[in-house]
């Protein structure tokens, strides 16, 4: 198996474990907190997805039209994705703390987010542009 396939498999595995941890933590919340969780993040997901699409589109436009050296465009893309993940995680963490979510849920959230971040770092480290 080449590095790209290994990177994809590791990304999928870390994402799966991350989602499993998140789902288990959510199941332990009472109905009120589950509803609050949905309300807290429903609007933000739309904006976050728009930003993510923007990052990807800018990367592809940059490579398609040779606006930047491909390696520089790739590095900017990686850094942008990782900064996006960090910023959205910090915002989410602050929302959870401000709305008095249980400490066990917040710890699960942090573990889940860390695994997802590690998966992306491994993925971007292993693939070669």
C-alpha atoms as a PDB file:
ATOM      1  CA  UNK A   1       0.000   0.000   0.000  1.00  0.00           C
ATOM      2  CA  UNK A   2       1.382   3.419  -0.890  1.00  0.00           C
ATOM      3  CA  UNK A   3       1.597   6.412   1.481  1.00  0.00           C
ATOM      4  CA  UNK A   4      -1.551   8.031   0.120  1.00  0.00           C
ATOM      5  CA  UNK A   5      -3.678   4.958   0.818  1.00  0.00           C
ATOM      6  CA  UNK A   6      -2.209   4.567   4.294  1.00  0.00           C
ATOM      7  CA  UNK A   7      -2.886   8.254   4.958  1.00  0.00           C
ATOM      8  CA  UNK A   8      -6.512   7.863   3.822  1.00  0.00           C
ATOM      9  CA  UNK A   9      -7.006   4.767   5.986  1.00  0.00           C
ATOM     10  CA  UNK A  10      -5.503   6.473   9.042  1.00  0.00           C
ATOM     11  CA  UNK A  11      -7.660   9.556   8.466  1.00  0.00           C
ATOM     12  CA  UNK A  12     -10.776   7.398   8.191  1.00  0.00           C
ATOM     13  CA  UNK A  13      -9.853   5.406  11.314  1.00  0.00           C
ATOM     14  CA  UNK A  14      -9.189   8.508  13.436  1.00  0.00           C
ATOM     15  CA  UNK A  15     -12.375  10.128  12.129  1.00  0.00           C
ATOM     16  CA  UNK A  16     -14.396   6.998  12.923  1.00  0.00           C
ATOM     17  CA  UNK A  17     -12.997   6.789  16.463  1.00  0.00           C
ATOM     18  CA  UNK A  18     -13.582  10.518  16.925  1.00  0.00           C
ATOM     19  CA  UNK A  19     -17.203  10.215  15.803  1.00  0.00           C
ATOM     20  CA  UNK A  20     -17.748   7.177  18.027  1.00  0.00           C
ATOM     21  CA  UNK A  21     -16.483   9.060  21.087  1.00  0.00           C
ATOM     22  CA  UNK A  22     -18.661  12.046  20.192  1.00  0.00           C
ATOM     23  CA  UNK A  23     -21.779   9.930  19.666  1.00  0.00           C
ATOM     24  CA  UNK A  24     -21.317   8.060  22.947  1.00  0.00           C
ATOM     25  CA  UNK A  25     -20.900  11.336  24.824  1.00  0.00           C
ATOM     26  CA  UNK A  26     -23.997  12.810  23.179  1.00  0.00           C
ATOM     27  CA  UNK A  27     -26.085   9.771  24.105  1.00  0.00           C
ATOM     28  CA  UNK A  28     -25.257  10.388  27.773  1.00  0.00           C
ATOM     29  CA  UNK A  29     -26.704  13.923  27.677  1.00  0.00           C
ATOM     30  CA  UNK A  30     -30.247  14.467  28.851  1.00  0.00           C
ATOM     31  CA  UNK A  31     -32.867  15.553  26.307  1.00  0.00           C
ATOM     32  CA  UNK A  32     -32.639  19.227  27.264  1.00  0.00           C
ATOM     33  CA  UNK A  33     -28.879  19.342  26.712  1.00  0.00           C
ATOM     34  CA  UNK A  34     -29.209  17.432  23.424  1.00  0.00           C
ATOM     35  CA  UNK A  35     -31.704  20.026  22.179  1.00  0.00           C
ATOM     36  CA  UNK A  36     -29.464  22.828  23.421  1.00  0.00           C
ATOM     37  CA  UNK A  37     -26.510  21.257  21.612  1.00  0.00           C
ATOM     38  CA  UNK A  38     -28.406  21.318  18.337  1.00  0.00           C
ATOM     39  CA  UNK A  39     -29.489  24.927  18.888  1.00  0.00           C
ATOM     40  CA  UNK A  40     -25.971  26.040  19.813  1.00  0.00           C
ATOM     41  CA  UNK A  41     -24.305  24.756  16.679  1.00  0.00           C
ATOM     42  CA  UNK A  42     -26.969  24.739  13.958  1.00  0.00           C
ATOM     43  CA  UNK A  43     -26.258  28.234  12.589  1.00  0.00           C
ATOM     44  CA  UNK A  44     -22.499  27.937  12.968  1.00  0.00           C
ATOM     45  CA  UNK A  45     -22.302  24.771  10.886  1.00  0.00           C
ATOM     46  CA  UNK A  46     -23.593  26.571   7.816  1.00  0.00           C
ATOM     47  CA  UNK A  47     -20.984  29.326   8.137  1.00  0.00           C
ATOM     48  CA  UNK A  48     -18.195  26.871   8.933  1.00  0.00           C
ATOM     49  CA  UNK A  49     -19.077  24.763   5.905  1.00  0.00           C
ATOM     50  CA  UNK A  50     -19.062  27.901   3.739  1.00  0.00           C
ATOM     51  CA  UNK A  51     -15.602  28.835   4.987  1.00  0.00           C
ATOM     52  CA  UNK A  52     -14.362  25.303   4.352  1.00  0.00           C
ATOM     53  CA  UNK A  53     -15.744  25.382   0.801  1.00  0.00           C
ATOM     54  CA  UNK A  54     -14.028  28.748   0.304  1.00  0.00           C
ATOM     55  CA  UNK A  55     -10.667  27.352   1.404  1.00  0.00           C
ATOM     56  CA  UNK A  56     -10.974  24.370  -0.937  1.00  0.00           C
ATOM     57  CA  UNK A  57     -12.157  26.489  -3.881  1.00  0.00           C
ATOM     58  CA  UNK A  58      -9.306  28.964  -3.422  1.00  0.00           C
ATOM     59  CA  UNK A  59      -6.811  26.101  -3.348  1.00  0.00           C
ATOM     60  CA  UNK A  60      -8.175  24.582  -6.544  1.00  0.00           C
ATOM     61  CA  UNK A  61      -8.357  27.953  -8.300  1.00  0.00           C
ATOM     62  CA  UNK A  62      -4.799  28.691  -7.261  1.00  0.00           C
ATOM     63  CA  UNK A  63      -3.535  25.385  -8.623  1.00  0.00           C
ATOM     64  CA  UNK A  64      -5.728  25.442 -11.753  1.00  0.00           C
ATOM     65  CA  UNK A  65      -4.675  28.940 -12.811  1.00  0.00           C
ATOM     66  CA  UNK A  66      -1.123  28.778 -11.431  1.00  0.00           C
ATOM     67  CA  UNK A  67      -1.700  31.782  -9.169  1.00  0.00           C
ATOM     68  CA  UNK A  68       0.902  30.515  -6.723  1.00  0.00           C
ATOM     69  CA  UNK A  69       3.643  27.951  -6.817  1.00  0.00           C
ATOM     70  CA  UNK A  70       1.856  24.612  -6.238  1.00  0.00           C
ATOM     71  CA  UNK A  71       3.929  23.809  -3.161  1.00  0.00           C
ATOM     72  CA  UNK A  72       3.204  27.203  -1.606  1.00  0.00           C
ATOM     73  CA  UNK A  73      -0.500  26.858  -2.441  1.00  0.00           C
ATOM     74  CA  UNK A  74      -0.511  23.398  -0.837  1.00  0.00           C
ATOM     75  CA  UNK A  75       1.216  24.652   2.322  1.00  0.00           C
ATOM     76  CA  UNK A  76      -1.245  27.559   2.577  1.00  0.00           C
ATOM     77  CA  UNK A  77      -4.100  25.088   2.076  1.00  0.00           C
ATOM     78  CA  UNK A  78      -2.853  22.768   4.824  1.00  0.00           C
ATOM     79  CA  UNK A  79      -2.265  25.626   7.258  1.00  0.00           C
ATOM     80  CA  UNK A  80      -5.688  27.106   6.445  1.00  0.00           C
ATOM     81  CA  UNK A  81      -7.446  23.786   7.088  1.00  0.00           C
ATOM     82  CA  UNK A  82      -5.599  23.223  10.355  1.00  0.00           C
ATOM     83  CA  UNK A  83      -6.228  26.806  11.547  1.00  0.00           C
ATOM     84  CA  UNK A  84      -9.889  26.372  10.595  1.00  0.00           C
ATOM     85  CA  UNK A  85     -10.078  23.180  12.686  1.00  0.00           C
ATOM     86  CA  UNK A  86      -8.379  24.828  15.664  1.00  0.00           C
ATOM     87  CA  UNK A  87     -10.500  28.000  15.573  1.00  0.00           C
ATOM     88  CA  UNK A  88     -13.801  26.143  15.200  1.00  0.00           C
ATOM     89  CA  UNK A  89     -12.782  23.809  18.035  1.00  0.00           C
ATOM     90  CA  UNK A  90     -11.942  26.698  20.350  1.00  0.00           C
ATOM     91  CA  UNK A  91     -15.236  28.433  19.541  1.00  0.00           C
ATOM     92  CA  UNK A  92     -17.149  25.205  20.165  1.00  0.00           C
ATOM     93  CA  UNK A  93     -15.315  24.566  23.434  1.00  0.00           C
ATOM     94  CA  UNK A  94     -16.147  28.072  24.659  1.00  0.00           C
ATOM     95  CA  UNK A  95     -19.799  27.619  23.726  1.00  0.00           C
ATOM     96  CA  UNK A  96     -19.964  24.335  25.619  1.00  0.00           C
ATOM     97  CA  UNK A  97     -18.349  25.870  28.718  1.00  0.00           C
ATOM     98  CA  UNK A  98     -20.526  29.000  28.573  1.00  0.00           C
ATOM     99  CA  UNK A  99     -23.681  26.881  28.388  1.00  0.00           C
ATOM    100  CA  UNK A 100     -22.751  24.663  31.341  1.00  0.00           C
ATOM    101  CA  UNK A 101     -22.374  21.367  29.530  1.00  0.00           C
ATOM    102  CA  UNK A 102     -21.183  18.522  31.760  1.00  0.00           C
ATOM    103  CA  UNK A 103     -17.438  18.216  32.241  1.00  0.00           C
ATOM    104  CA  UNK A 104     -17.505  14.635  30.987  1.00  0.00           C
ATOM    105  CA  UNK A 105     -19.112  15.761  27.730  1.00  0.00           C
ATOM    106  CA  UNK A 106     -16.550  18.535  27.289  1.00  0.00           C
ATOM    107  CA  UNK A 107     -13.682  16.086  27.935  1.00  0.00           C
ATOM    108  CA  UNK A 108     -15.126  13.735  25.329  1.00  0.00           C
ATOM    109  CA  UNK A 109     -15.454  16.653  22.927  1.00  0.00           C
ATOM    110  CA  UNK A 110     -11.803  17.600  23.460  1.00  0.00           C
ATOM    111  CA  UNK A 111     -10.658  13.993  22.996  1.00  0.00           C
ATOM    112  CA  UNK A 112     -12.758  13.622  19.856  1.00  0.00           C
ATOM    113  CA  UNK A 113     -11.484  16.905  18.432  1.00  0.00           C
ATOM    114  CA  UNK A 114      -7.874  16.033  19.244  1.00  0.00           C
ATOM    115  CA  UNK A 115      -8.169  12.685  17.456  1.00  0.00           C
ATOM    116  CA  UNK A 116      -9.676  14.369  14.405  1.00  0.00           C
ATOM    117  CA  UNK A 117      -6.889  16.959  14.389  1.00  0.00           C
ATOM    118  CA  UNK A 118      -4.212  14.255  14.761  1.00  0.00           C
ATOM    119  CA  UNK A 119      -5.802  12.371  11.864  1.00  0.00           C
ATOM    120  CA  UNK A 120      -5.564  15.425   9.620  1.00  0.00           C
ATOM    121  CA  UNK A 121      -1.973  16.138  10.646  1.00  0.00           C
ATOM    122  CA  UNK A 122      -0.986  12.531   9.899  1.00  0.00           C
ATOM    123  CA  UNK A 123      -2.843  12.674   6.586  1.00  0.00           C
ATOM    124  CA  UNK A 124      -1.205  15.910   5.436  1.00  0.00           C
ATOM    125  CA  UNK A 125       2.203  14.726   6.640  1.00  0.00           C
ATOM    126  CA  UNK A 126       2.010  11.434   4.761  1.00  0.00           C
ATOM    127  CA  UNK A 127       0.698  12.622   1.421  1.00  0.00           C
ATOM    128  CA  UNK A 128       3.056  14.197  -0.999  1.00  0.00           C
ATOM    129  CA  UNK A 129       1.949  16.966  -3.263  1.00  0.00           C
END
